[in-house]
Amino acid sequence: MFAVIKAQGKQYKVAQGDQLVIDRLAGEKGAKVALGEVLMLVDGGNTTVGKPVLSGAKVEAEIVDHSRGDKIKVFKKRRRKNYHRTRGHRQDLTTVKITAITG
């Protein structure tokens, strides 16, 4: 059984027991959370597709860890204008473990 969910504006294919790295969620380590909206649910040969979401279906997860992603550099330059700017960014991330898929 697996589901396609939408969380923080992105879509993920998840199954029970999977670990997933997504954008930062509020909550402490070990907290239970319900993830996003369920867009599709596949149970064996039975596929259910939402229009756009499935009512009554939900995916439950447990927060495993909070971390930060790799640093990226943003460099802007205007040639021949003596203009250049360098900025850095690290995205806040949360690792979650899928505990249950109900539909």
C-alpha atoms as a PDB file:
ATOM      1  CA  MET A   1       0.000   0.000   0.000  1.00  0.00           C
ATOM      2  CA  PHE A   2       1.282   3.456  -0.865  1.00  0.00           C
ATOM      3  CA  ALA A   3      -0.071   6.967  -1.170  1.00  0.00           C
ATOM      4  CA  VAL A   4       0.781  10.155  -3.013  1.00  0.00           C
ATOM      5  CA  ILE A   5       0.592  13.133  -0.668  1.00  0.00           C
ATOM      6  CA  LYS A   6       1.029  16.868  -0.965  1.00  0.00           C
ATOM      7  CA  ALA A   7       3.040  18.488   1.832  1.00  0.00           C
ATOM      8  CA  GLN A   8       4.522  22.003   1.830  1.00  0.00           C
ATOM      9  CA  GLY A   9       3.657  22.462  -1.853  1.00  0.00           C
ATOM     10  CA  LYS A  10       5.473  19.327  -3.047  1.00  0.00           C
ATOM     11  CA  GLN A  11       4.207  15.837  -3.879  1.00  0.00           C
ATOM     12  CA  TYR A  12       5.686  12.655  -2.398  1.00  0.00           C
ATOM     13  CA  LYS A  13       5.050   8.947  -2.911  1.00  0.00           C
ATOM     14  CA  VAL A  14       5.089   7.283   0.529  1.00  0.00           C
ATOM     15  CA  ALA A  15       4.582   3.825   1.989  1.00  0.00           C
ATOM     16  CA  GLN A  16       4.388   2.685   5.601  1.00  0.00           C
ATOM     17  CA  GLY A  17       7.853   2.589   7.207  1.00  0.00           C
ATOM     18  CA  ASP A  18       9.432   5.053   4.739  1.00  0.00           C
ATOM     19  CA  GLN A  19      11.607   7.906   5.968  1.00  0.00           C
ATOM     20  CA  LEU A  20      11.099  11.178   4.169  1.00  0.00           C
ATOM     21  CA  VAL A  21      13.021  14.490   4.244  1.00  0.00           C
ATOM     22  CA  ILE A  22      10.677  17.454   3.818  1.00  0.00           C
ATOM     23  CA  ASP A  23      10.671  21.173   4.584  1.00  0.00           C
ATOM     24  CA  ARG A  24      10.610  22.099   8.284  1.00  0.00           C
ATOM     25  CA  LEU A  25       7.523  21.057  10.264  1.00  0.00           C
ATOM     26  CA  ALA A  26       6.561  22.508  13.617  1.00  0.00           C
ATOM     27  CA  GLY A  27       6.924  20.039  16.472  1.00  0.00           C
ATOM     28  CA  GLU A  28       9.467  18.258  18.619  1.00  0.00           C
ATOM     29  CA  LYS A  29      11.281  14.982  17.932  1.00  0.00           C
ATOM     30  CA  GLY A  30       8.951  12.044  18.482  1.00  0.00           C
ATOM     31  CA  ALA A  31       5.789  14.083  17.889  1.00  0.00           C
ATOM     32  CA  LYS A  32       3.026  12.583  15.749  1.00  0.00           C
ATOM     33  CA  VAL A  33       1.851  14.636  12.762  1.00  0.00           C
ATOM     34  CA  ALA A  34      -0.681  14.210   9.955  1.00  0.00           C
ATOM     35  CA  LEU A  35       0.964  14.915   6.600  1.00  0.00           C
ATOM     36  CA  GLY A  36      -0.704  17.079   4.003  1.00  0.00           C
ATOM     37  CA  GLU A  37      -3.437  16.093   1.641  1.00  0.00           C
ATOM     38  CA  VAL A  38      -3.771  12.574   0.179  1.00  0.00           C
ATOM     39  CA  LEU A  39      -4.002  12.822  -3.611  1.00  0.00           C
ATOM     40  CA  MET A  40      -3.931   9.107  -4.500  1.00  0.00           C
ATOM     41  CA  LEU A  41      -4.135   5.823  -2.618  1.00  0.00           C
ATOM     42  CA  VAL A  42      -3.046   2.417  -3.990  1.00  0.00           C
ATOM     43  CA  ASP A  43      -3.959  -0.723  -2.027  1.00  0.00           C
ATOM     44  CA  GLY A  44      -2.916  -3.833  -3.951  1.00  0.00           C
ATOM     45  CA  GLY A  45      -4.747  -3.643  -7.285  1.00  0.00           C
ATOM     46  CA  ASN A  46      -7.234  -1.058  -6.033  1.00  0.00           C
ATOM     47  CA  THR A  47      -6.324   2.530  -6.996  1.00  0.00           C
ATOM     48  CA  THR A  48      -8.286   5.528  -5.722  1.00  0.00           C
ATOM     49  CA  VAL A  49      -7.586   8.963  -7.156  1.00  0.00           C
ATOM     50  CA  GLY A  50      -8.867  12.133  -5.513  1.00  0.00           C
ATOM     51  CA  LYS A  51     -10.430  15.066  -7.318  1.00  0.00           C
ATOM     52  CA  PRO A  52      -8.218  16.791  -6.157  1.00  0.00           C
ATOM     53  CA  VAL A  53      -7.919  15.142  -2.697  1.00  0.00           C
ATOM     54  CA  LEU A  54      -9.371  12.044  -1.048  1.00  0.00           C
ATOM     55  CA  SER A  55     -11.741  12.771   1.818  1.00  0.00           C
ATOM     56  CA  GLY A  56     -11.279  10.524   4.834  1.00  0.00           C
ATOM     57  CA  ALA A  57      -7.795   9.352   3.835  1.00  0.00           C
ATOM     58  CA  LYS A  58      -4.834  10.408   5.914  1.00  0.00           C
ATOM     59  CA  VAL A  59      -1.129   9.709   6.354  1.00  0.00           C
ATOM     60  CA  GLU A  60       0.319   9.766   9.854  1.00  0.00           C
ATOM     61  CA  ALA A  61       4.014  10.266  10.551  1.00  0.00           C
ATOM     62  CA  GLU A  62       6.452  10.693  13.415  1.00  0.00           C
ATOM     63  CA  ILE A  63       9.127  13.395  13.489  1.00  0.00           C
ATOM     64  CA  VAL A  64      12.549  11.723  13.600  1.00  0.00           C
ATOM     65  CA  ASP A  65      14.920  14.685  13.320  1.00  0.00           C
ATOM     66  CA  HIS A  66      15.286  18.366  12.462  1.00  0.00           C
ATOM     67  CA  SER A  67      18.296  19.377  10.367  1.00  0.00           C
ATOM     68  CA  ARG A  68      19.528  21.831   7.764  1.00  0.00           C
ATOM     69  CA  GLY A  69      20.315  21.175   4.132  1.00  0.00           C
ATOM     70  CA  ASP A  70      23.544  21.830   2.279  1.00  0.00           C
ATOM     71  CA  LYS A  71      24.574  25.443   1.792  1.00  0.00           C
ATOM     72  CA  ILE A  72      23.853  26.904  -1.618  1.00  0.00           C
ATOM     73  CA  LYS A  73      25.423  30.058  -2.985  1.00  0.00           C
ATOM     74  CA  VAL A  74      23.398  32.676  -4.817  1.00  0.00           C
ATOM     75  CA  PHE A  75      25.610  34.912  -6.958  1.00  0.00           C
ATOM     76  CA  LYS A  76      24.295  37.923  -8.872  1.00  0.00           C
ATOM     77  CA  LYS A  77      26.378  39.886 -11.354  1.00  0.00           C
ATOM     78  CA  ARG A  78      25.746  42.702 -13.814  1.00  0.00           C
ATOM     79  CA  ARG A  79      28.568  42.760 -16.284  1.00  0.00           C
ATOM     80  CA  ARG A  80      30.450  45.989 -16.836  1.00  0.00           C
ATOM     81  CA  LYS A  81      28.486  47.703 -14.030  1.00  0.00           C
ATOM     82  CA  ASN A  82      30.780  46.857 -11.080  1.00  0.00           C
ATOM     83  CA  TYR A  83      27.863  45.019  -9.411  1.00  0.00           C
ATOM     84  CA  HIS A  84      28.085  41.602  -7.785  1.00  0.00           C
ATOM     85  CA  ARG A  85      26.420  40.116  -4.719  1.00  0.00           C
ATOM     86  CA  THR A  86      26.967  36.767  -3.015  1.00  0.00           C
ATOM     87  CA  ARG A  87      24.422  35.323  -0.630  1.00  0.00           C
ATOM     88  CA  GLY A  88      24.165  31.927   1.030  1.00  0.00           C
ATOM     89  CA  HIS A  89      21.190  29.851   2.109  1.00  0.00           C
ATOM     90  CA  ARG A  90      20.577  26.648   4.090  1.00  0.00           C
ATOM     91  CA  GLN A  91      17.083  25.168   4.047  1.00  0.00           C
ATOM     92  CA  ASP A  92      15.551  23.942   7.319  1.00  0.00           C
ATOM     93  CA  LEU A  93      14.499  20.295   6.944  1.00  0.00           C
ATOM     94  CA  THR A  94      12.585  17.671   8.918  1.00  0.00           C
ATOM     95  CA  THR A  95      12.994  13.897   8.637  1.00  0.00           C
ATOM     96  CA  VAL A  96       9.748  12.009   9.233  1.00  0.00           C
ATOM     97  CA  LYS A  97       8.902   8.312   9.395  1.00  0.00           C
ATOM     98  CA  ILE A  98       5.567   7.224   7.935  1.00  0.00           C
ATOM     99  CA  THR A  99       3.705   5.231  10.612  1.00  0.00           C
ATOM    100  CA  ALA A 100       0.244   4.694   9.107  1.00  0.00           C
ATOM    101  CA  ILE A 101      -1.735   5.168   5.913  1.00  0.00           C
ATOM    102  CA  THR A 102      -5.500   5.015   6.301  1.00  0.00           C
ATOM    103  CA  GLY A 103      -8.078   5.387   3.592  1.00  0.00           C
END
